[in-house]
Amino acid sequence: MTSDDALDQLRHIARERAFGRPVGSDKLIQAGLDALIAGIESPSLAMLAGLLRSEEPGAPELFDQVLDEQGLLFRSPTDPWAAKWAMAYWITGQIADGSLDPAAGTRLIWADIAYDATPKS
């Protein structure tokens, strides 16, 4: 994994979390380890990558510190509709760049975004 790949992975996970998608501490720690091995430097990165299983509850806070130190912290818009649109753009971007299967992306858009926009009788 290159340093660009590692930073992309951190950005991706940051958006997943900002849009309310569940991300396990194990995935946060692995992303930290991948970034460290790829040569990314950050004061909190080594601490995140070196967390033991018993220390996993601290991973989200350390992950956010790493994002902040790298200038990658992402916050979803506070307006619910703006947040839905931001998530839709993010998903369609993944479909367009080939990192997300179009059928899976369409299901995500329908389940997480369009369903809420459909009028209920």
PDB file of N, CA and C in Angstrom:
ATOM      1  N   MET A   1       0.848  -1.179   0.000  1.00  0.00           N
ATOM      2  CA  MET A   1       0.000   0.000   0.000  1.00  0.00           C
ATOM      3  C   MET A   1       0.890   1.237   0.000  1.00  0.00           C
ATOM      4  N   THR A   2       0.578   2.171  -0.885  1.00  0.00           N
ATOM      5  CA  THR A   2       1.332   3.420  -0.939  1.00  0.00           C
ATOM      6  C   THR A   2       0.779   4.395   0.096  1.00  0.00           C
ATOM      7  N   SER A   3       1.514   5.474   0.310  1.00  0.00           N
ATOM      8  CA  SER A   3       1.033   6.476   1.265  1.00  0.00           C
ATOM      9  C   SER A   3      -0.265   7.116   0.745  1.00  0.00           C
ATOM     10  N   ASP A   4      -0.381   7.296  -0.564  1.00  0.00           N
ATOM     11  CA  ASP A   4      -1.633   7.842  -1.121  1.00  0.00           C
ATOM     12  C   ASP A   4      -2.794   6.890  -0.877  1.00  0.00           C
ATOM     13  N   ASP A   5      -2.559   5.584  -1.055  1.00  0.00           N
ATOM     14  CA  ASP A   5      -3.606   4.592  -0.791  1.00  0.00           C
ATOM     15  C   ASP A   5      -4.023   4.629   0.685  1.00  0.00           C
ATOM     16  N   ALA A   6      -3.039   4.741   1.562  1.00  0.00           N
ATOM     17  CA  ALA A   6      -3.329   4.771   2.997  1.00  0.00           C
ATOM     18  C   ALA A   6      -4.144   6.013   3.362  1.00  0.00           C
ATOM     19  N   LEU A   7      -3.797   7.156   2.783  1.00  0.00           N
ATOM     20  CA  LEU A   7      -4.553   8.376   3.052  1.00  0.00           C
ATOM     21  C   LEU A   7      -5.970   8.271   2.488  1.00  0.00           C
ATOM     22  N   ASP A   8      -6.108   7.657   1.307  1.00  0.00           N
ATOM     23  CA  ASP A   8      -7.444   7.429   0.741  1.00  0.00           C
ATOM     24  C   ASP A   8      -8.280   6.546   1.655  1.00  0.00           C
ATOM     25  N   GLN A   9      -7.644   5.515   2.221  1.00  0.00           N
ATOM     26  CA  GLN A   9      -8.350   4.626   3.139  1.00  0.00           C
ATOM     27  C   GLN A   9      -8.810   5.399   4.381  1.00  0.00           C
ATOM     28  N   LEU A  10      -7.962   6.250   4.920  1.00  0.00           N
ATOM     29  CA  LEU A  10      -8.337   7.061   6.080  1.00  0.00           C
ATOM     30  C   LEU A  10      -9.499   7.993   5.734  1.00  0.00           C
ATOM     31  N   ARG A  11      -9.429   8.636   4.542  1.00  0.00           N
ATOM     32  CA  ARG A  11     -10.522   9.521   4.102  1.00  0.00           C
ATOM     33  C   ARG A  11     -11.832   8.755   3.975  1.00  0.00           C
ATOM     34  N   HIS A  12     -11.750   7.563   3.384  1.00  0.00           N
ATOM     35  CA  HIS A  12     -12.942   6.747   3.174  1.00  0.00           C
ATOM     36  C   HIS A  12     -13.596   6.385   4.516  1.00  0.00           C
ATOM     37  N   ILE A  13     -12.796   5.933   5.443  1.00  0.00           N
ATOM     38  CA  ILE A  13     -13.325   5.558   6.754  1.00  0.00           C
ATOM     39  C   ILE A  13     -13.886   6.783   7.482  1.00  0.00           C
ATOM     40  N   ALA A  14     -13.227   7.930   7.319  1.00  0.00           N
ATOM     41  CA  ALA A  14     -13.726   9.160   7.941  1.00  0.00           C
ATOM     42  C   ALA A  14     -15.131   9.478   7.443  1.00  0.00           C
ATOM     43  N   ARG A  15     -15.351   9.305   6.140  1.00  0.00           N
ATOM     44  CA  ARG A  15     -16.678   9.577   5.585  1.00  0.00           C
ATOM     45  C   ARG A  15     -17.700   8.526   6.020  1.00  0.00           C
ATOM     46  N   GLU A  16     -17.284   7.273   6.045  1.00  0.00           N
ATOM     47  CA  GLU A  16     -18.195   6.231   6.536  1.00  0.00           C
ATOM     48  C   GLU A  16     -18.708   6.592   7.922  1.00  0.00           C
ATOM     49  N   ARG A  17     -17.802   6.945   8.792  1.00  0.00           N
ATOM     50  CA  ARG A  17     -18.172   7.272  10.165  1.00  0.00           C
ATOM     51  C   ARG A  17     -19.016   8.539  10.228  1.00  0.00           C
ATOM     52  N   ALA A  18     -18.661   9.550   9.429  1.00  0.00           N
ATOM     53  CA  ALA A  18     -19.406  10.811   9.447  1.00  0.00           C
ATOM     54  C   ALA A  18     -20.839  10.620   8.966  1.00  0.00           C
ATOM     55  N   PHE A  19     -21.032   9.667   8.043  1.00  0.00           N
ATOM     56  CA  PHE A  19     -22.372   9.399   7.523  1.00  0.00           C
ATOM     57  C   PHE A  19     -23.116   8.354   8.342  1.00  0.00           C
ATOM     58  N   GLY A  20     -22.557   8.006   9.504  1.00  0.00           N
ATOM     59  CA  GLY A  20     -23.256   7.115  10.427  1.00  0.00           C
ATOM     60  C   GLY A  20     -23.145   5.640  10.115  1.00  0.00           C
ATOM     61  N   ARG A  21     -22.248   5.261   9.227  1.00  0.00           N
ATOM     62  CA  ARG A  21     -22.046   3.850   8.918  1.00  0.00           C
ATOM     63  C   ARG A  21     -21.190   3.245  10.032  1.00  0.00           C
ATOM     64  N   PRO A  22     -21.514   2.071  10.503  1.00  0.00           N
ATOM     65  CA  PRO A  22     -20.724   1.463  11.582  1.00  0.00           C
ATOM     66  C   PRO A  22     -19.341   1.031  11.096  1.00  0.00           C
ATOM     67  N   VAL A  23     -18.334   1.413  11.842  1.00  0.00           N
ATOM     68  CA  VAL A  23     -16.951   1.031  11.541  1.00  0.00           C
ATOM     69  C   VAL A  23     -16.353   0.502  12.838  1.00  0.00           C
ATOM     70  N   GLY A  24     -15.956  -0.749  12.829  1.00  0.00           N
ATOM     71  CA  GLY A  24     -15.407  -1.364  14.025  1.00  0.00           C
ATOM     72  C   GLY A  24     -14.033  -0.836  14.390  1.00  0.00           C
ATOM     73  N   SER A  25     -13.717  -0.914  15.665  1.00  0.00           N
ATOM     74  CA  SER A  25     -12.406  -0.470  16.141  1.00  0.00           C
ATOM     75  C   SER A  25     -11.278  -1.245  15.471  1.00  0.00           C
ATOM     76  N   ASP A  26     -11.527  -2.522  15.167  1.00  0.00           N
ATOM     77  CA  ASP A  26     -10.493  -3.315  14.501  1.00  0.00           C
ATOM     78  C   ASP A  26     -10.141  -2.727  13.140  1.00  0.00           C
ATOM     79  N   LYS A  27     -11.140  -2.215  12.419  1.00  0.00           N
ATOM     80  CA  LYS A  27     -10.891  -1.601  11.112  1.00  0.00           C
ATOM     81  C   LYS A  27     -10.125  -0.286  11.271  1.00  0.00           C
ATOM     82  N   LEU A  28     -10.430   0.473  12.314  1.00  0.00           N
ATOM     83  CA  LEU A  28      -9.722   1.725  12.562  1.00  0.00           C
ATOM     84  C   LEU A  28      -8.253   1.458  12.883  1.00  0.00           C
ATOM     85  N   ILE A  29      -8.027   0.457  13.706  1.00  0.00           N
ATOM     86  CA  ILE A  29      -6.654   0.103  14.087  1.00  0.00           C
ATOM     87  C   ILE A  29      -5.886  -0.403  12.866  1.00  0.00           C
ATOM     88  N   GLN A  30      -6.524  -1.245  12.035  1.00  0.00           N
ATOM     89  CA  GLN A  30      -5.865  -1.757  10.830  1.00  0.00           C
ATOM     90  C   GLN A  30      -5.526  -0.621   9.871  1.00  0.00           C
ATOM     91  N   ALA A  31      -6.427   0.340   9.718  1.00  0.00           N
ATOM     92  CA  ALA A  31      -6.151   1.494   8.854  1.00  0.00           C
ATOM     93  C   ALA A  31      -4.968   2.291   9.385  1.00  0.00           C
ATOM     94  N   GLY A  32      -4.877   2.413  10.709  1.00  0.00           N
ATOM     95  CA  GLY A  32      -3.735   3.079  11.312  1.00  0.00           C
ATOM     96  C   GLY A  32      -2.444   2.326  11.053  1.00  0.00           C
ATOM     97  N   LEU A  33      -2.488   1.019  11.187  1.00  0.00           N
ATOM     98  CA  LEU A  33      -1.314   0.188  10.923  1.00  0.00           C
ATOM     99  C   LEU A  33      -0.901   0.291   9.462  1.00  0.00           C
ATOM    100  N   ASP A  34      -1.881   0.231   8.547  1.00  0.00           N
ATOM    101  CA  ASP A  34      -1.583   0.360   7.116  1.00  0.00           C
ATOM    102  C   ASP A  34      -0.920   1.702   6.815  1.00  0.00           C
ATOM    103  N   ALA A  35      -1.436   2.774   7.418  1.00  0.00           N
ATOM    104  CA  ALA A  35      -0.874   4.104   7.193  1.00  0.00           C
ATOM    105  C   ALA A  35       0.541   4.204   7.748  1.00  0.00           C
ATOM    106  N   LEU A  36       0.755   3.642   8.914  1.00  0.00           N
ATOM    107  CA  LEU A  36       2.084   3.668   9.532  1.00  0.00           C
ATOM    108  C   LEU A  36       3.089   2.924   8.663  1.00  0.00           C
ATOM    109  N   ILE A  37       2.712   1.751   8.194  1.00  0.00           N
ATOM    110  CA  ILE A  37       3.594   0.950   7.331  1.00  0.00           C
ATOM    111  C   ILE A  37       3.858   1.670   6.005  1.00  0.00           C
ATOM    112  N   ALA A  38       2.869   2.428   5.523  1.00  0.00           N
ATOM    113  CA  ALA A  38       3.014   3.155   4.255  1.00  0.00           C
ATOM    114  C   ALA A  38       3.870   4.420   4.394  1.00  0.00           C
ATOM    115  N   GLY A  39       4.279   4.722   5.625  1.00  0.00           N
ATOM    116  CA  GLY A  39       5.164   5.861   5.830  1.00  0.00           C
ATOM    117  C   GLY A  39       4.488   7.145   6.264  1.00  0.00           C
ATOM    118  N   ILE A  40       3.210   7.087   6.600  1.00  0.00           N
ATOM    119  CA  ILE A  40       2.507   8.270   7.093  1.00  0.00           C
ATOM    120  C   ILE A  40       2.982   8.532   8.517  1.00  0.00           C
ATOM    121  N   GLU A  41       3.244   9.784   8.814  1.00  0.00           N
ATOM    122  CA  GLU A  41       3.695  10.143  10.156  1.00  0.00           C
ATOM    123  C   GLU A  41       2.675  11.043  10.831  1.00  0.00           C
ATOM    124  N   SER A  42       2.418  10.736  12.074  1.00  0.00           N
ATOM    125  CA  SER A  42       1.464  11.489  12.876  1.00  0.00           C
ATOM    126  C   SER A  42       1.695  11.104  14.326  1.00  0.00           C
ATOM    127  N   PRO A  43       1.622  12.059  15.252  1.00  0.00           N
ATOM    128  CA  PRO A  43       1.846  11.721  16.661  1.00  0.00           C
ATOM    129  C   PRO A  43       0.914  10.628  17.196  1.00  0.00           C
ATOM    130  N   SER A  44      -0.319  10.612  16.758  1.00  0.00           N
ATOM    131  CA  SER A  44      -1.285   9.642  17.283  1.00  0.00           C
ATOM    132  C   SER A  44      -1.339   8.339  16.491  1.00  0.00           C
ATOM    133  N   LEU A  45      -0.727   8.314  15.318  1.00  0.00           N
ATOM    134  CA  LEU A  45      -0.837   7.153  14.443  1.00  0.00           C
ATOM    135  C   LEU A  45      -0.212   5.891  15.047  1.00  0.00           C
ATOM    136  N   ALA A  46       0.971   6.011  15.614  1.00  0.00           N
ATOM    137  CA  ALA A  46       1.620   4.848  16.224  1.00  0.00           C
ATOM    138  C   ALA A  46       0.816   4.340  17.420  1.00  0.00           C
ATOM    139  N   MET A  47       0.209   5.268  18.145  1.00  0.00           N
ATOM    140  CA  MET A  47      -0.615   4.846  19.288  1.00  0.00           C
ATOM    141  C   MET A  47      -1.839   4.078  18.805  1.00  0.00           C
ATOM    142  N   LEU A  48      -2.484   4.559  17.724  1.00  0.00           N
ATOM    143  CA  LEU A  48      -3.644   3.870  17.168  1.00  0.00           C
ATOM    144  C   LEU A  48      -3.250   2.496  16.642  1.00  0.00           C
ATOM    145  N   ALA A  49      -2.178   2.444  15.867  1.00  0.00           N
ATOM    146  CA  ALA A  49      -1.751   1.185  15.253  1.00  0.00           C
ATOM    147  C   ALA A  49      -1.327   0.152  16.288  1.00  0.00           C
ATOM    148  N   GLY A  50      -0.883   0.605  17.446  1.00  0.00           N
ATOM    149  CA  GLY A  50      -0.388  -0.316  18.457  1.00  0.00           C
ATOM    150  C   GLY A  50      -1.387  -0.689  19.545  1.00  0.00           C
ATOM    151  N   LEU A  51      -2.644  -0.304  19.366  1.00  0.00           N
ATOM    152  CA  LEU A  51      -3.633  -0.643  20.392  1.00  0.00           C
ATOM    153  C   LEU A  51      -3.817  -2.150  20.522  1.00  0.00           C
ATOM    154  N   LEU A  52      -3.918  -2.597  21.746  1.00  0.00           N
ATOM    155  CA  LEU A  52      -4.202  -4.001  22.032  1.00  0.00           C
ATOM    156  C   LEU A  52      -5.713  -4.219  22.009  1.00  0.00           C
ATOM    157  N   ARG A  53      -6.128  -5.462  21.946  1.00  0.00           N
ATOM    158  CA  ARG A  53      -7.561  -5.767  21.913  1.00  0.00           C
ATOM    159  C   ARG A  53      -8.283  -5.153  23.104  1.00  0.00           C
ATOM    160  N   SER A  54      -7.671  -5.180  24.260  1.00  0.00           N
ATOM    161  CA  SER A  54      -8.306  -4.616  25.455  1.00  0.00           C
ATOM    162  C   SER A  54      -8.396  -3.084  25.399  1.00  0.00           C
ATOM    163  N   GLU A  55      -7.648  -2.470  24.486  1.00  0.00           N
ATOM    164  CA  GLU A  55      -7.642  -1.016  24.363  1.00  0.00           C
ATOM    165  C   GLU A  55      -8.494  -0.521  23.186  1.00  0.00           C
ATOM    166  N   GLU A  56      -9.168  -1.447  22.482  1.00  0.00           N
ATOM    167  CA  GLU A  56      -9.953  -1.091  21.298  1.00  0.00           C
ATOM    168  C   GLU A  56     -10.992   0.016  21.528  1.00  0.00           C
ATOM    169  N   PRO A  57     -11.607   0.120  22.715  1.00  0.00           N
ATOM    170  CA  PRO A  57     -12.581   1.206  22.897  1.00  0.00           C
ATOM    171  C   PRO A  57     -11.985   2.605  22.673  1.00  0.00           C
ATOM    172  N   GLY A  58     -10.681   2.751  22.794  1.00  0.00           N
ATOM    173  CA  GLY A  58     -10.039   4.051  22.570  1.00  0.00           C
ATOM    174  C   GLY A  58      -9.734   4.343  21.112  1.00  0.00           C
ATOM    175  N   ALA A  59      -9.979   3.386  20.215  1.00  0.00           N
ATOM    176  CA  ALA A  59      -9.633   3.552  18.803  1.00  0.00           C
ATOM    177  C   ALA A  59     -10.369   4.705  18.120  1.00  0.00           C
ATOM    178  N   PRO A  60     -11.690   4.875  18.320  1.00  0.00           N
ATOM    179  CA  PRO A  60     -12.360   5.978  17.622  1.00  0.00           C
ATOM    180  C   PRO A  60     -11.775   7.359  17.944  1.00  0.00           C
ATOM    181  N   GLU A  61     -11.470   7.589  19.213  1.00  0.00           N
ATOM    182  CA  GLU A  61     -10.906   8.882  19.605  1.00  0.00           C
ATOM    183  C   GLU A  61      -9.514   9.076  18.990  1.00  0.00           C
ATOM    184  N   LEU A  62      -8.681   8.042  19.029  1.00  0.00           N
ATOM    185  CA  LEU A  62      -7.354   8.140  18.427  1.00  0.00           C
ATOM    186  C   LEU A  62      -7.445   8.300  16.912  1.00  0.00           C
ATOM    187  N   PHE A  63      -8.391   7.593  16.299  1.00  0.00           N
ATOM    188  CA  PHE A  63      -8.574   7.711  14.853  1.00  0.00           C
ATOM    189  C   PHE A  63      -8.920   9.160  14.485  1.00  0.00           C
ATOM    190  N   ASP A  64      -9.809   9.778  15.254  1.00  0.00           N
ATOM    191  CA  ASP A  64     -10.162  11.177  15.003  1.00  0.00           C
ATOM    192  C   ASP A  64      -8.954  12.099  15.180  1.00  0.00           C
ATOM    193  N   GLN A  65      -8.099  11.795  16.153  1.00  0.00           N
ATOM    194  CA  GLN A  65      -6.878  12.588  16.345  1.00  0.00           C
ATOM    195  C   GLN A  65      -5.961  12.459  15.128  1.00  0.00           C
ATOM    196  N   VAL A  66      -5.844  11.235  14.610  1.00  0.00           N
ATOM    197  CA  VAL A  66      -5.023  11.014  13.411  1.00  0.00           C
ATOM    198  C   VAL A  66      -5.588  11.822  12.246  1.00  0.00           C
ATOM    199  N   LEU A  67      -6.897  11.761  12.054  1.00  0.00           N
ATOM    200  CA  LEU A  67      -7.526  12.523  10.972  1.00  0.00           C
ATOM    201  C   LEU A  67      -7.251  14.012  11.120  1.00  0.00           C
ATOM    202  N   ASP A  68      -7.379  14.509  12.345  1.00  0.00           N
ATOM    203  CA  ASP A  68      -7.129  15.926  12.599  1.00  0.00           C
ATOM    204  C   ASP A  68      -5.672  16.282  12.296  1.00  0.00           C
ATOM    205  N   GLU A  69      -4.751  15.465  12.746  1.00  0.00           N
ATOM    206  CA  GLU A  69      -3.327  15.720  12.516  1.00  0.00           C
ATOM    207  C   GLU A  69      -2.972  15.678  11.030  1.00  0.00           C
ATOM    208  N   GLN A  70      -3.687  14.881  10.260  1.00  0.00           N
ATOM    209  CA  GLN A  70      -3.425  14.766   8.828  1.00  0.00           C
ATOM    210  C   GLN A  70      -4.268  15.733   7.995  1.00  0.00           C
ATOM    211  N   GLY A  71      -5.130  16.489   8.646  1.00  0.00           N
ATOM    212  CA  GLY A  71      -6.002  17.415   7.924  1.00  0.00           C
ATOM    213  C   GLY A  71      -7.092  16.699   7.146  1.00  0.00           C
ATOM    214  N   LEU A  72      -7.519  15.532   7.627  1.00  0.00           N
ATOM    215  CA  LEU A  72      -8.507  14.714   6.929  1.00  0.00           C
ATOM    216  C   LEU A  72      -9.848  14.636   7.644  1.00  0.00           C
ATOM    217  N   LEU A  73      -9.991  15.359   8.734  1.00  0.00           N
ATOM    218  CA  LEU A  73     -11.230  15.284   9.503  1.00  0.00           C
ATOM    219  C   LEU A  73     -12.391  15.731   8.628  1.00  0.00           C
ATOM    220  N   PHE A  74     -13.451  14.940   8.595  1.00  0.00           N
ATOM    221  CA  PHE A  74     -14.618  15.222   7.769  1.00  0.00           C
ATOM    222  C   PHE A  74     -15.846  15.239   8.656  1.00  0.00           C
ATOM    223  N   ARG A  75     -16.637  16.255   8.495  1.00  0.00           N
ATOM    224  CA  ARG A  75     -17.893  16.352   9.234  1.00  0.00           C
ATOM    225  C   ARG A  75     -19.026  16.403   8.215  1.00  0.00           C
ATOM    226  N   SER A  76     -20.016  15.580   8.438  1.00  0.00           N
ATOM    227  CA  SER A  76     -21.195  15.581   7.598  1.00  0.00           C
ATOM    228  C   SER A  76     -21.968  16.874   7.832  1.00  0.00           C
ATOM    229  N   PRO A  77     -22.633  17.404   6.798  1.00  0.00           N
ATOM    230  CA  PRO A  77     -23.445  18.608   7.012  1.00  0.00           C
ATOM    231  C   PRO A  77     -24.477  18.387   8.120  1.00  0.00           C
ATOM    232  N   THR A  78     -24.771  19.427   8.855  1.00  0.00           N
ATOM    233  CA  THR A  78     -25.728  19.302   9.963  1.00  0.00           C
ATOM    234  C   THR A  78     -27.171  19.232   9.480  1.00  0.00           C
ATOM    235  N   ASP A  79     -27.457  19.851   8.346  1.00  0.00           N
ATOM    236  CA  ASP A  79     -28.797  19.768   7.777  1.00  0.00           C
ATOM    237  C   ASP A  79     -29.030  18.346   7.267  1.00  0.00           C
ATOM    238  N   PRO A  80     -30.097  17.680   7.702  1.00  0.00           N
ATOM    239  CA  PRO A  80     -30.321  16.284   7.315  1.00  0.00           C
ATOM    240  C   PRO A  80     -30.361  16.048   5.798  1.00  0.00           C
ATOM    241  N   TRP A  81     -31.024  16.952   5.054  1.00  0.00           N
ATOM    242  CA  TRP A  81     -31.094  16.762   3.598  1.00  0.00           C
ATOM    243  C   TRP A  81     -29.739  17.002   2.949  1.00  0.00           C
ATOM    244  N   ALA A  82     -29.009  17.985   3.430  1.00  0.00           N
ATOM    245  CA  ALA A  82     -27.664  18.234   2.896  1.00  0.00           C
ATOM    246  C   ALA A  82     -26.758  17.037   3.180  1.00  0.00           C
ATOM    247  N   ALA A  83     -26.924  16.435   4.339  1.00  0.00           N
ATOM    248  CA  ALA A  83     -26.136  15.247   4.684  1.00  0.00           C
ATOM    249  C   ALA A  83     -26.472  14.086   3.753  1.00  0.00           C
ATOM    250  N   LYS A  84     -27.773  13.908   3.451  1.00  0.00           N
ATOM    251  CA  LYS A  84     -28.186  12.839   2.529  1.00  0.00           C
ATOM    252  C   LYS A  84     -27.590  13.070   1.138  1.00  0.00           C
ATOM    253  N   TRP A  85     -27.637  14.320   0.663  1.00  0.00           N
ATOM    254  CA  TRP A  85     -27.071  14.629  -0.646  1.00  0.00           C
ATOM    255  C   TRP A  85     -25.555  14.415  -0.646  1.00  0.00           C
ATOM    256  N   ALA A  86     -24.883  14.805   0.411  1.00  0.00           N
ATOM    257  CA  ALA A  86     -23.428  14.604   0.496  1.00  0.00           C
ATOM    258  C   ALA A  86     -23.093  13.118   0.452  1.00  0.00           C
ATOM    259  N   MET A  87     -23.897  12.318   1.139  1.00  0.00           N
ATOM    260  CA  MET A  87     -23.672  10.871   1.125  1.00  0.00           C
ATOM    261  C   MET A  87     -23.929  10.307  -0.273  1.00  0.00           C
ATOM    262  N   ALA A  88     -24.974  10.787  -0.948  1.00  0.00           N
ATOM    263  CA  ALA A  88     -25.273  10.320  -2.309  1.00  0.00           C
ATOM    264  C   ALA A  88     -24.117  10.658  -3.254  1.00  0.00           C
ATOM    265  N   TYR A  89     -23.586  11.871  -3.158  1.00  0.00           N
ATOM    266  CA  TYR A  89     -22.448  12.255  -4.000  1.00  0.00           C
ATOM    267  C   TYR A  89     -21.229  11.383  -3.708  1.00  0.00           C
ATOM    268  N   TRP A  90     -21.008  11.091  -2.444  1.00  0.00           N
ATOM    269  CA  TRP A  90     -19.871  10.254  -2.052  1.00  0.00           C
ATOM    270  C   TRP A  90     -20.015   8.850  -2.637  1.00  0.00           C
ATOM    271  N   ILE A  91     -21.212   8.279  -2.524  1.00  0.00           N
ATOM    272  CA  ILE A  91     -21.451   6.934  -3.061  1.00  0.00           C
ATOM    273  C   ILE A  91     -21.319   6.927  -4.576  1.00  0.00           C
ATOM    274  N   THR A  92     -21.906   7.918  -5.253  1.00  0.00           N
ATOM    275  CA  THR A  92     -21.814   7.937  -6.716  1.00  0.00           C
ATOM    276  C   THR A  92     -20.380   8.159  -7.173  1.00  0.00           C
ATOM    277  N   GLY A  93     -19.606   8.882  -6.403  1.00  0.00           N
ATOM    278  CA  GLY A  93     -18.181   9.041  -6.719  1.00  0.00           C
ATOM    279  C   GLY A  93     -17.447   7.715  -6.665  1.00  0.00           C
ATOM    280  N   GLN A  94     -17.791   6.889  -5.689  1.00  0.00           N
ATOM    281  CA  GLN A  94     -17.179   5.564  -5.582  1.00  0.00           C
ATOM    282  C   GLN A  94     -17.598   4.666  -6.746  1.00  0.00           C
ATOM    283  N   ILE A  95     -18.856   4.780  -7.165  1.00  0.00           N
ATOM    284  CA  ILE A  95     -19.318   4.010  -8.325  1.00  0.00           C
ATOM    285  C   ILE A  95     -18.548   4.463  -9.563  1.00  0.00           C
ATOM    286  N   ALA A  96     -18.420   5.787  -9.745  1.00  0.00           N
ATOM    287  CA  ALA A  96     -17.748   6.336 -10.920  1.00  0.00           C
ATOM    288  C   ALA A  96     -16.270   5.962 -10.979  1.00  0.00           C
ATOM    289  N   ASP A  97     -15.594   5.918  -9.824  1.00  0.00           N
ATOM    290  CA  ASP A  97     -14.165   5.585  -9.862  1.00  0.00           C
ATOM    291  C   ASP A  97     -13.897   4.083  -9.818  1.00  0.00           C
ATOM    292  N   GLY A  98     -14.972   3.298  -9.754  1.00  0.00           N
ATOM    293  CA  GLY A  98     -14.827   1.846  -9.814  1.00  0.00           C
ATOM    294  C   GLY A  98     -14.546   1.178  -8.489  1.00  0.00           C
ATOM    295  N   SER A  99     -14.543   1.933  -7.396  1.00  0.00           N
ATOM    296  CA  SER A  99     -14.244   1.320  -6.096  1.00  0.00           C
ATOM    297  C   SER A  99     -15.474   0.721  -5.431  1.00  0.00           C
ATOM    298  N   LEU A 100     -16.654   0.947  -6.021  1.00  0.00           N
ATOM    299  CA  LEU A 100     -17.893   0.389  -5.474  1.00  0.00           C
ATOM    300  C   LEU A 100     -18.719  -0.162  -6.627  1.00  0.00           C
ATOM    301  N   ASP A 101     -19.173  -1.387  -6.463  1.00  0.00           N
ATOM    302  CA  ASP A 101     -20.023  -2.024  -7.459  1.00  0.00           C
ATOM    303  C   ASP A 101     -21.288  -1.189  -7.656  1.00  0.00           C
ATOM    304  N   PRO A 102     -21.688  -0.929  -8.923  1.00  0.00           N
ATOM    305  CA  PRO A 102     -22.880  -0.100  -9.162  1.00  0.00           C
ATOM    306  C   PRO A 102     -24.146  -0.635  -8.482  1.00  0.00           C
ATOM    307  N   ALA A 103     -24.341  -1.946  -8.477  1.00  0.00           N
ATOM    308  CA  ALA A 103     -25.536  -2.504  -7.838  1.00  0.00           C
ATOM    309  C   ALA A 103     -25.499  -2.270  -6.327  1.00  0.00           C
ATOM    310  N   ALA A 104     -24.342  -2.473  -5.725  1.00  0.00           N
ATOM    311  CA  ALA A 104     -24.216  -2.246  -4.279  1.00  0.00           C
ATOM    312  C   ALA A 104     -24.406  -0.766  -3.953  1.00  0.00           C
ATOM    313  N   GLY A 105     -23.853   0.108  -4.773  1.00  0.00           N
ATOM    314  CA  GLY A 105     -24.009   1.539  -4.555  1.00  0.00           C
ATOM    315  C   GLY A 105     -25.456   1.979  -4.690  1.00  0.00           C
ATOM    316  N   THR A 106     -26.143   1.421  -5.683  1.00  0.00           N
ATOM    317  CA  THR A 106     -27.551   1.748  -5.877  1.00  0.00           C
ATOM    318  C   THR A 106     -28.373   1.306  -4.671  1.00  0.00           C
ATOM    319  N   ARG A 107     -28.067   0.120  -4.147  1.00  0.00           N
ATOM    320  CA  ARG A 107     -28.771  -0.347  -2.942  1.00  0.00           C
ATOM    321  C   ARG A 107     -28.523   0.593  -1.767  1.00  0.00           C
ATOM    322  N   LEU A 108     -27.283   1.045  -1.613  1.00  0.00           N
ATOM    323  CA  LEU A 108     -26.976   1.982  -0.524  1.00  0.00           C
ATOM    324  C   LEU A 108     -27.757   3.285  -0.684  1.00  0.00           C
ATOM    325  N   ILE A 109     -27.778   3.799  -1.909  1.00  0.00           N
ATOM    326  CA  ILE A 109     -28.498   5.049  -2.144  1.00  0.00           C
ATOM    327  C   ILE A 109     -29.989   4.855  -1.866  1.00  0.00           C
ATOM    328  N   TRP A 110     -30.531   3.742  -2.317  1.00  0.00           N
ATOM    329  CA  TRP A 110     -31.955   3.504  -2.076  1.00  0.00           C
ATOM    330  C   TRP A 110     -32.236   3.322  -0.580  1.00  0.00           C
ATOM    331  N   ALA A 111     -31.469   2.478   0.067  1.00  0.00           N
ATOM    332  CA  ALA A 111     -31.740   2.144   1.470  1.00  0.00           C
ATOM    333  C   ALA A 111     -31.450   3.310   2.414  1.00  0.00           C
ATOM    334  N   ASP A 112     -30.382   4.055   2.170  1.00  0.00           N
ATOM    335  CA  ASP A 112     -29.957   5.084   3.121  1.00  0.00           C
ATOM    336  C   ASP A 112     -30.404   6.494   2.767  1.00  0.00           C
ATOM    337  N   ILE A 113     -30.811   6.709   1.516  1.00  0.00           N
ATOM    338  CA  ILE A 113     -31.110   8.077   1.097  1.00  0.00           C
ATOM    339  C   ILE A 113     -32.496   8.191   0.476  1.00  0.00           C
ATOM    340  N   ALA A 114     -32.720   7.489  -0.621  1.00  0.00           N
ATOM    341  CA  ALA A 114     -33.962   7.653  -1.379  1.00  0.00           C
ATOM    342  C   ALA A 114     -35.182   7.206  -0.584  1.00  0.00           C
ATOM    343  N   TYR A 115     -35.051   6.151   0.189  1.00  0.00           N
ATOM    344  CA  TYR A 115     -36.191   5.657   0.964  1.00  0.00           C
ATOM    345  C   TYR A 115     -36.740   6.742   1.879  1.00  0.00           C
ATOM    346  N   ASP A 116     -35.839   7.505   2.497  1.00  0.00           N
ATOM    347  CA  ASP A 116     -36.262   8.586   3.398  1.00  0.00           C
ATOM    348  C   ASP A 116     -36.933   9.724   2.639  1.00  0.00           C
ATOM    349  N   ALA A 117     -36.620   9.871   1.340  1.00  0.00           N
ATOM    350  CA  ALA A 117     -37.179  10.966   0.546  1.00  0.00           C
ATOM    351  C   ALA A 117     -38.523  10.582  -0.081  1.00  0.00           C
ATOM    352  N   THR A 118     -38.865   9.304  -0.040  1.00  0.00           N
ATOM    353  CA  THR A 118     -40.110   8.836  -0.647  1.00  0.00           C
ATOM    354  C   THR A 118     -41.285   9.213   0.246  1.00  0.00           C
ATOM    355  N   PRO A 119     -42.318   9.866  -0.365  1.00  0.00           N
ATOM    356  CA  PRO A 119     -43.503  10.206   0.447  1.00  0.00           C
ATOM    357  C   PRO A 119     -44.175   8.956   0.995  1.00  0.00           C
ATOM    358  N   LYS A 120     -44.583   8.993   2.231  1.00  0.00           N
ATOM    359  CA  LYS A 120     -45.271   7.866   2.879  1.00  0.00           C
ATOM    360  C   LYS A 120     -46.769   8.156   2.898  1.00  0.00           C
ATOM    361  N   SER A 121     -47.585   7.126   2.616  1.00  0.00           N
ATOM    362  CA  SER A 121     -49.048   7.334   2.625  1.00  0.00           C
ATOM    363  C   SER A 121     -49.624   7.011   3.971  1.00  0.00           C
TER     364      SER A 121
END
